[in-house]
Amino acid sequence: MTCGPDQYLSNKSQKPQCDACVSCPKELDLVEKQPCSFNSSRVCECRPGLFCQLQVVDSCSRCQPHSACRPGFGVKGRGTATKDVTCEECPPGTFSDQNSSTDICKPHTNCAKLNKVILRKGNATHDQVCLDQLPTYLTPSTLSVRFSNETNDFDLRMFKDNLVTSASGDLLSATTTENPSSTPEEKAGTSPTSAKGEMTTGGVVLWAVVLSVAVLLGGTLAFWKWKVCKKRILVLRRKQDHTDH
């Protein structure tokens, strides 16, 4: 017995007969799973991403999109043409940050393996955020030790540094200030005349500074001696007045 096109020989009844193969219309989201043959019908199934919600013989009458697992949940069982996706909560150390019907929970980034430190700890919905480690000489503990070691000599150096700075500040300013009308050679220090002038000016300023310091010290010493003498004279006068009375 021979059947016509798009038919197959069915043995479902007592007497063999030709039955029509089922069709897989695209508008119903169906695709062919098994072709029509001389002794079996065509088999249809839902296209990828859908599953059959209402099954019929050799086909499906209603296809439904696979469910999407929400953030914090990953796919435990992948969806097929006949069953929906199953989801599970992401276990510790993993996360899922988007709705997906295909993605499983992903492990948190291992910051230590990347030679980094954790900036923000991960959870079920967010990955860990890593940060590059600070160089050893910039870590808080190192800076604290270095600061405590250096502060011991800080006060001792301050007075000496201030004296050197105040004594040489004017000299340094005078010898390094450029003349606005100077030539490029004079600015670069390559002109003999310029170099000689700078040395002369520097010597004058240095002597002026030394002389000023000497005068200041002499005046201070004289003022101090005058105060001491005045105090002694007042004491002697008081003693004399007391004796006369």
Foldseek 3Di string as FASTA:
>chain_A
DFDDPQWAWEPPDVDIDIDHADDADVVQQKDWPADCDRHDHTAIFHDPQWAAPADDPRYGRHIGGAFWDAWQKFFPAADDRHGHTDIDGDDPQWTDAGTGRHGHTHGADDQVVVCWAFPAPDDHHDHTDTDHDDPPCPDPVNVVVVVVVVVVCPVVVVVVVVVVCVLCVVLVCQLQDDDPPDDPCLNVVNDPVSVVVSVVVSVVSNVVSVVVVVVVVVVVVVVVVVVVVVVVVVVVVVVVVVVVD
